[in-house]
C-alpha atoms as a PDB file:
ATOM      1  CA  MET A   1      13.067  -0.093 -26.172  1.00  0.00           C
ATOM      2  CA  LYS A   2       9.341  -0.041 -25.554  1.00  0.00           C
ATOM      3  CA  GLY A   3       7.898   3.004 -23.804  1.00  0.00           C
ATOM      4  CA  PRO A   4       5.137   3.078 -21.196  1.00  0.00           C
ATOM      5  CA  HIS A   5       1.804   1.516 -22.159  1.00  0.00           C
ATOM      6  CA  PRO A   6      -0.595   4.208 -23.473  1.00  0.00           C
ATOM      7  CA  GLU A   7      -3.314   3.175 -21.006  1.00  0.00           C
ATOM      8  CA  LEU A   8      -0.933   3.696 -18.084  1.00  0.00           C
ATOM      9  CA  VAL A   9       0.239   7.046 -19.461  1.00  0.00           C
ATOM     10  CA  LYS A  10      -3.399   8.155 -19.725  1.00  0.00           C
ATOM     11  CA  MET A  11      -4.207   6.819 -16.238  1.00  0.00           C
ATOM     12  CA  VAL A  12      -1.348   8.771 -14.671  1.00  0.00           C
ATOM     13  CA  ALA A  13      -2.084  12.000 -16.520  1.00  0.00           C
ATOM     14  CA  GLU A  14      -5.835  12.042 -15.937  1.00  0.00           C
ATOM     15  CA  GLN A  15      -6.206  10.430 -12.510  1.00  0.00           C
ATOM     16  CA  ILE A  16      -2.956  11.114 -10.659  1.00  0.00           C
ATOM     17  CA  GLU A  17      -1.013  14.129 -11.938  1.00  0.00           C
ATOM     18  CA  SER A  18      -4.202  16.132 -12.358  1.00  0.00           C
ATOM     19  CA  ARG A  19      -4.997  15.606  -8.643  1.00  0.00           C
ATOM     20  CA  GLY A  20      -1.697  16.925  -7.391  1.00  0.00           C
ATOM     21  CA  VAL A  21       0.714  13.978  -7.182  1.00  0.00           C
ATOM     22  CA  HIS A  22       3.956  15.390  -8.601  1.00  0.00           C
ATOM     23  CA  ASP A  23       6.775  13.113  -7.385  1.00  0.00           C
ATOM     24  CA  GLU A  24       8.285  12.173 -10.745  1.00  0.00           C
ATOM     25  CA  ARG A  25       9.700   8.883  -9.462  1.00  0.00           C
ATOM     26  CA  VAL A  26       6.233   7.839  -8.311  1.00  0.00           C
ATOM     27  CA  LEU A  27       4.637   8.913 -11.592  1.00  0.00           C
ATOM     28  CA  GLU A  28       7.239   7.026 -13.630  1.00  0.00           C
ATOM     29  CA  VAL A  29       6.658   3.822 -11.689  1.00  0.00           C
ATOM     30  CA  MET A  30       2.876   4.172 -11.960  1.00  0.00           C
ATOM     31  CA  ARG A  31       3.351   4.376 -15.736  1.00  0.00           C
ATOM     32  CA  SER A  32       5.516   1.244 -15.803  1.00  0.00           C
ATOM     33  CA  VAL A  33       3.861  -1.346 -13.513  1.00  0.00           C
ATOM     34  CA  PRO A  34       1.197  -3.282 -15.495  1.00  0.00           C
ATOM     35  CA  ARG A  35      -1.841  -2.863 -13.237  1.00  0.00           C
ATOM     36  CA  TRP A  36      -3.869  -5.456 -15.174  1.00  0.00           C
ATOM     37  CA  GLU A  37      -1.502  -8.185 -13.909  1.00  0.00           C
ATOM     38  CA  PHE A  38      -2.815  -7.581 -10.381  1.00  0.00           C
ATOM     39  CA  VAL A  39      -6.567  -7.921 -10.943  1.00  0.00           C
ATOM     40  CA  PRO A  40      -8.673 -11.000 -11.732  1.00  0.00           C
ATOM     41  CA  GLN A  41      -8.801 -12.018 -15.392  1.00  0.00           C
ATOM     42  CA  GLU A  42     -12.401 -10.857 -15.784  1.00  0.00           C
ATOM     43  CA  MET A  43     -11.475  -7.376 -14.436  1.00  0.00           C
ATOM     44  CA  ARG A  44      -8.456  -6.730 -16.662  1.00  0.00           C
ATOM     45  CA  GLY A  45     -10.384  -4.487 -19.011  1.00  0.00           C
ATOM     46  CA  SER A  46     -11.179  -2.227 -16.038  1.00  0.00           C
ATOM     47  CA  ALA A  47      -7.702  -2.280 -14.493  1.00  0.00           C
ATOM     48  CA  THR A  48      -6.867   1.380 -15.199  1.00  0.00           C
ATOM     49  CA  GLU A  49     -10.270   2.807 -14.278  1.00  0.00           C
ATOM     50  CA  ASP A  50     -10.543   5.450 -11.559  1.00  0.00           C
ATOM     51  CA  ARG A  51     -11.929   3.168  -8.848  1.00  0.00           C
ATOM     52  CA  PRO A  52     -11.015   0.291  -6.542  1.00  0.00           C
ATOM     53  CA  LEU A  53     -11.607  -3.181  -7.959  1.00  0.00           C
ATOM     54  CA  PRO A  54     -12.509  -6.478  -6.232  1.00  0.00           C
ATOM     55  CA  ILE A  55      -9.739  -9.088  -6.060  1.00  0.00           C
ATOM     56  CA  GLY A  56     -11.649 -11.809  -4.181  1.00  0.00           C
ATOM     57  CA  ASN A  57     -12.113 -12.732  -0.509  1.00  0.00           C
ATOM     58  CA  GLY A  58     -13.927  -9.432   0.095  1.00  0.00           C
ATOM     59  CA  GLN A  59     -10.752  -7.456  -0.646  1.00  0.00           C
ATOM     60  CA  THR A  60      -9.973  -4.737  -3.197  1.00  0.00           C
ATOM     61  CA  ILE A  61      -7.113  -3.172  -5.109  1.00  0.00           C
ATOM     62  CA  SER A  62      -7.104   0.563  -4.374  1.00  0.00           C
ATOM     63  CA  GLN A  63      -7.805   3.104  -7.097  1.00  0.00           C
ATOM     64  CA  PRO A  64      -4.644   4.305  -8.879  1.00  0.00           C
ATOM     65  CA  TYR A  65      -4.747   7.799  -7.342  1.00  0.00           C
ATOM     66  CA  ILE A  66      -4.818   6.482  -3.766  1.00  0.00           C
ATOM     67  CA  VAL A  67      -1.917   4.105  -4.481  1.00  0.00           C
ATOM     68  CA  ALA A  68       0.127   6.978  -5.905  1.00  0.00           C
ATOM     69  CA  LEU A  69      -0.796   9.412  -3.122  1.00  0.00           C
ATOM     70  CA  MET A  70       0.051   6.990  -0.300  1.00  0.00           C
ATOM     71  CA  THR A  71       3.329   6.152  -2.006  1.00  0.00           C
ATOM     72  CA  GLU A  72       4.246   9.814  -2.466  1.00  0.00           C
ATOM     73  CA  LEU A  73       3.566  10.496   1.228  1.00  0.00           C
ATOM     74  CA  LEU A  74       6.378   8.091   2.180  1.00  0.00           C
ATOM     75  CA  HIS A  75       8.950  10.461   0.567  1.00  0.00           C
ATOM     76  CA  LEU A  76      11.022   7.553  -0.787  1.00  0.00           C
ATOM     77  CA  GLN A  77      14.567   8.102  -2.042  1.00  0.00           C
ATOM     78  CA  GLY A  78      15.502   4.530  -3.011  1.00  0.00           C
ATOM     79  CA  ASP A  79      17.400   3.025  -0.072  1.00  0.00           C
ATOM     80  CA  GLU A  80      14.549   2.497   2.394  1.00  0.00           C
ATOM     81  CA  ASN A  81      13.368  -0.560   4.299  1.00  0.00           C
ATOM     82  CA  ILE A  82       9.562  -0.611   3.928  1.00  0.00           C
ATOM     83  CA  LEU A  83       6.746  -2.581   5.554  1.00  0.00           C
ATOM     84  CA  GLU A  84       3.392  -2.903   3.830  1.00  0.00           C
ATOM     85  CA  VAL A  85       0.378  -4.211   5.747  1.00  0.00           C
ATOM     86  CA  GLY A  86      -2.324  -5.690   3.506  1.00  0.00           C
ATOM     87  CA  THR A  87      -0.655  -7.231   0.461  1.00  0.00           C
ATOM     88  CA  GLY A  88      -3.855  -7.977  -1.434  1.00  0.00           C
ATOM     89  CA  SER A  89      -2.906  -8.807  -5.006  1.00  0.00           C
ATOM     90  CA  GLY A  90       0.586  -7.309  -4.626  1.00  0.00           C
ATOM     91  CA  TYR A  91       0.128  -4.157  -6.720  1.00  0.00           C
ATOM     92  CA  GLN A  92       1.102  -1.641  -4.042  1.00  0.00           C
ATOM     93  CA  ALA A  93       4.116  -3.787  -3.121  1.00  0.00           C
ATOM     94  CA  ALA A  94       5.182  -3.832  -6.776  1.00  0.00           C
ATOM     95  CA  ILE A  95       5.023  -0.027  -6.900  1.00  0.00           C
ATOM     96  CA  LEU A  96       7.040   0.252  -3.673  1.00  0.00           C
ATOM     97  CA  SER A  97       9.625  -2.254  -4.885  1.00  0.00           C
ATOM     98  CA  ARG A  98      10.685   0.085  -7.682  1.00  0.00           C
ATOM     99  CA  LEU A  99      11.118   2.998  -5.277  1.00  0.00           C
ATOM    100  CA  ALA A 100      12.767   1.490  -2.175  1.00  0.00           C
ATOM    101  CA  SER A 101      15.429  -1.092  -1.336  1.00  0.00           C
ATOM    102  CA  GLN A 102      13.527  -3.805   0.525  1.00  0.00           C
ATOM    103  CA  ILE A 103       9.791  -4.466   0.895  1.00  0.00           C
ATOM    104  CA  ASN A 104       8.254  -6.834   3.432  1.00  0.00           C
ATOM    105  CA  THR A 105       4.503  -7.142   3.077  1.00  0.00           C
ATOM    106  CA  VAL A 106       1.989  -8.955   5.299  1.00  0.00           C
ATOM    107  CA  GLU A 107      -1.332 -10.432   4.184  1.00  0.00           C
ATOM    108  CA  PHE A 108      -3.944 -11.797   6.599  1.00  0.00           C
ATOM    109  CA  ILE A 109      -5.670 -14.114   4.084  1.00  0.00           C
ATOM    110  CA  PRO A 110      -3.504 -17.162   3.232  1.00  0.00           C
ATOM    111  CA  SER A 111      -4.689 -17.656  -0.364  1.00  0.00           C
ATOM    112  CA  LEU A 112      -4.058 -14.008  -1.227  1.00  0.00           C
ATOM    113  CA  ALA A 113      -0.564 -14.162   0.308  1.00  0.00           C
ATOM    114  CA  ILE A 114       0.347 -17.252  -1.730  1.00  0.00           C
ATOM    115  CA  ASP A 115      -1.006 -15.809  -4.970  1.00  0.00           C
ATOM    116  CA  ALA A 116       0.679 -12.432  -4.405  1.00  0.00           C
ATOM    117  CA  GLN A 117       4.115 -13.968  -3.813  1.00  0.00           C
ATOM    118  CA  GLU A 118       3.796 -16.109  -6.942  1.00  0.00           C
ATOM    119  CA  ARG A 119       2.705 -13.107  -9.003  1.00  0.00           C
ATOM    120  CA  LEU A 120       5.425 -10.774  -7.715  1.00  0.00           C
ATOM    121  CA  THR A 121       8.127 -13.397  -8.252  1.00  0.00           C
ATOM    122  CA  ARG A 122       6.895 -14.193 -11.762  1.00  0.00           C
ATOM    123  CA  LEU A 123       6.850 -10.518 -12.716  1.00  0.00           C
ATOM    124  CA  GLY A 124      10.369  -9.919 -11.410  1.00  0.00           C
ATOM    125  CA  TYR A 125       9.803  -7.920  -8.213  1.00  0.00           C
ATOM    126  CA  ALA A 126      12.658  -9.657  -6.460  1.00  0.00           C
ATOM    127  CA  ASN A 127      13.023  -7.315  -3.484  1.00  0.00           C
ATOM    128  CA  VAL A 128       9.536  -8.094  -2.133  1.00  0.00           C
ATOM    129  CA  GLN A 129       8.896 -10.781   0.479  1.00  0.00           C
ATOM    130  CA  VAL A 130       5.280 -11.712   1.260  1.00  0.00           C
ATOM    131  CA  HIS A 131       4.406 -12.960   4.758  1.00  0.00           C
ATOM    132  CA  GLN A 132       1.080 -14.435   5.849  1.00  0.00           C
ATOM    133  CA  GLY A 133      -0.106 -13.320   9.258  1.00  0.00           C
ATOM    134  CA  ASP A 134      -1.433 -10.543  11.473  1.00  0.00           C
ATOM    135  CA  GLY A 135      -0.140  -7.345   9.919  1.00  0.00           C
ATOM    136  CA  SER A 136      -1.667  -5.174  12.644  1.00  0.00           C
ATOM    137  CA  VAL A 137       1.298  -6.119  14.858  1.00  0.00           C
ATOM    138  CA  GLY A 138       3.811  -5.542  12.072  1.00  0.00           C
ATOM    139  CA  LEU A 139       6.970  -7.597  11.504  1.00  0.00           C
ATOM    140  CA  ALA A 140       9.350  -6.741  14.311  1.00  0.00           C
ATOM    141  CA  GLU A 141      12.121  -9.020  13.021  1.00  0.00           C
ATOM    142  CA  PHE A 142      12.785  -6.783  10.008  1.00  0.00           C
ATOM    143  CA  SER A 143      12.330  -3.439  11.789  1.00  0.00           C
ATOM    144  CA  PRO A 144      13.019  -0.574  12.128  1.00  0.00           C
ATOM    145  CA  TYR A 145      11.231   0.628   9.000  1.00  0.00           C
ATOM    146  CA  ASP A 146      11.798   3.874   7.169  1.00  0.00           C
ATOM    147  CA  GLY A 147       8.184   3.688   6.052  1.00  0.00           C
ATOM    148  CA  ILE A 148       5.081   1.636   6.825  1.00  0.00           C
ATOM    149  CA  LEU A 149       2.099   1.688   4.478  1.00  0.00           C
ATOM    150  CA  VAL A 150      -1.213   0.127   5.558  1.00  0.00           C
ATOM    151  CA  THR A 151      -3.839  -0.637   2.928  1.00  0.00           C
ATOM    152  CA  ALA A 152      -6.726  -1.339   5.323  1.00  0.00           C
ATOM    153  CA  ALA A 153      -8.540   0.817   7.869  1.00  0.00           C
ATOM    154  CA  CYS A 154      -7.957   0.671  11.620  1.00  0.00           C
ATOM    155  CA  PRO A 155      -9.729   2.330  14.586  1.00  0.00           C
ATOM    156  CA  SER A 156      -6.446   4.079  15.455  1.00  0.00           C
ATOM    157  CA  ALA A 157      -2.774   3.814  14.515  1.00  0.00           C
ATOM    158  CA  PRO A 158      -1.576   0.467  15.956  1.00  0.00           C
ATOM    159  CA  PRO A 159       1.085   0.975  18.663  1.00  0.00           C
ATOM    160  CA  ALA A 160       3.067  -1.978  17.310  1.00  0.00           C
ATOM    161  CA  LEU A 161       3.454  -0.274  13.933  1.00  0.00           C
ATOM    162  CA  LEU A 162       4.465   3.044  15.470  1.00  0.00           C
ATOM    163  CA  ASP A 163       7.044   1.226  17.605  1.00  0.00           C
ATOM    164  CA  GLN A 164       8.615  -0.324  14.497  1.00  0.00           C
ATOM    165  CA  LEU A 165       9.298   2.997  12.760  1.00  0.00           C
ATOM    166  CA  ALA A 166      12.856   4.239  12.421  1.00  0.00           C
ATOM    167  CA  GLU A 167      13.705   7.785  13.495  1.00  0.00           C
ATOM    168  CA  GLY A 168      12.008  10.093  10.996  1.00  0.00           C
ATOM    169  CA  GLY A 169      10.054   7.151   9.585  1.00  0.00           C
ATOM    170  CA  ARG A 170       6.524   7.582   8.275  1.00  0.00           C
ATOM    171  CA  LEU A 171       3.355   5.534   8.772  1.00  0.00           C
ATOM    172  CA  ILE A 172       0.695   6.060   6.104  1.00  0.00           C
ATOM    173  CA  MET A 173      -2.697   4.498   6.801  1.00  0.00           C
ATOM    174  CA  PRO A 174      -6.486   5.030   6.885  1.00  0.00           C
ATOM    175  CA  VAL A 175      -7.848   5.526  10.404  1.00  0.00           C
ATOM    176  CA  GLY A 176     -11.430   5.790  11.595  1.00  0.00           C
ATOM    177  CA  GLY A 177     -14.747   4.087  12.188  1.00  0.00           C
ATOM    178  CA  ARG A 178     -17.105   2.164  10.010  1.00  0.00           C
ATOM    179  CA  TRP A 179     -18.566   5.144   8.180  1.00  0.00           C
ATOM    180  CA  ARG A 180     -15.772   7.721   8.131  1.00  0.00           C
ATOM    181  CA  LYS A 181     -12.029   7.242   7.693  1.00  0.00           C
ATOM    182  CA  GLU A 182      -9.150   9.665   7.185  1.00  0.00           C
ATOM    183  CA  LEU A 183      -5.906   8.885   5.458  1.00  0.00           C
ATOM    184  CA  GLN A 184      -3.278   9.827   8.027  1.00  0.00           C
ATOM    185  CA  CYS A 185       0.480  10.389   7.937  1.00  0.00           C
ATOM    186  CA  TRP A 186       2.391   9.703  11.173  1.00  0.00           C
ATOM    187  CA  GLN A 187       6.081  10.586  11.542  1.00  0.00           C
ATOM    188  CA  LYS A 188       8.429   9.556  14.344  1.00  0.00           C
ATOM    189  CA  GLN A 189      10.302  12.438  15.964  1.00  0.00           C
ATOM    190  CA  GLY A 190      12.432  11.113  18.816  1.00  0.00           C
ATOM    191  CA  THR A 191      10.036   9.677  21.391  1.00  0.00           C
ATOM    192  CA  THR A 192       6.955  11.390  19.951  1.00  0.00           C
ATOM    193  CA  PHE A 193       4.862  11.136  16.808  1.00  0.00           C
ATOM    194  CA  GLU A 194       3.413  13.883  14.675  1.00  0.00           C
ATOM    195  CA  SER A 195       0.220  13.073  12.749  1.00  0.00           C
ATOM    196  CA  GLU A 196      -1.612  14.772   9.922  1.00  0.00           C
ATOM    197  CA  ASP A 197      -4.993  14.097   8.317  1.00  0.00           C
ATOM    198  CA  ILE A 198      -4.657  13.999   4.524  1.00  0.00           C
ATOM    199  CA  LEU A 199      -8.145  13.318   3.116  1.00  0.00           C
ATOM    200  CA  PRO A 200     -11.283  11.177   3.658  1.00  0.00           C
ATOM    201  CA  VAL A 201     -10.999   7.668   2.180  1.00  0.00           C
ATOM    202  CA  ALA A 202     -12.803   4.331   1.976  1.00  0.00           C
ATOM    203  CA  PHE A 203     -10.935   1.102   2.786  1.00  0.00           C
ATOM    204  CA  VAL A 204     -11.670  -2.451   3.870  1.00  0.00           C
ATOM    205  CA  PRO A 205     -11.072  -3.095   7.610  1.00  0.00           C
ATOM    206  CA  LEU A 206      -7.684  -4.136   8.969  1.00  0.00           C
ATOM    207  CA  ARG A 207      -8.147  -7.443  10.730  1.00  0.00           C
ATOM    208  CA  GLY A 208      -5.921  -8.548  13.577  1.00  0.00           C
ATOM    209  CA  THR A 209      -4.917  -8.072  17.204  1.00  0.00           C
ATOM    210  CA  GLN A 210      -4.524  -4.297  16.877  1.00  0.00           C
ATOM    211  CA  GLY A 211      -7.102  -3.912  14.115  1.00  0.00           C
ATOM    212  CA  TRP A 212     -10.809  -4.710  13.900  1.00  0.00           C
ATOM    213  CA  LYS A 213     -12.365  -7.911  15.185  1.00  0.00           C
ATOM    214  CA  GLU A 214     -14.937  -9.516  12.885  1.00  0.00           C
ATOM    215  CA  SER A 215     -17.698  -8.838  15.423  1.00  0.00           C
ATOM    216  CA  GLU A 216     -16.893  -5.122  15.510  1.00  0.00           C
ATOM    217  CA  TRP A 217     -17.257  -4.469  11.797  1.00  0.00           C
END
């Protein structure tokens, strides 16, 4: 049986473990999902570098450390129902699919949604369903969610996403203005929400009804 690819082992050791991500389930999955399958052909040689990479349509795939950190913050055990907002190329959804039971992911840009579903299906991530639409309002029909992960920045945590969290559920997302954003963790506690700032980050804007309008960015 083949072991993890050496490039992925190196990526995890140098970029992720060394920065404090220690959830062994997350680390194992980061070593096993072939990141180069989720970037354009001309970027494959850079797939494991410590930076975000362009995937077309003005969108990016987040750097490996940020993917791992956001995933770890969900505290996944394996039986969760998860919503991802901002499918992109499908890499984050692929990581989540190996750590939770069911993943629904929403992509605003139609061509990216189509390509991501084809890629995820071809690579065997069968518990992921890609939806095209306005992810800022979530997907109420599959809620409540044990975790929601948003891969684009918003002015504030969208009420629709908070409403779709299960009791104890977590929302992980970047929040802030054009020049400064904080990765935040929100957790539902009864009728209230506790929030925590994790670290400054850079993300593309979340477009949609409860995100940024084109004219505002």
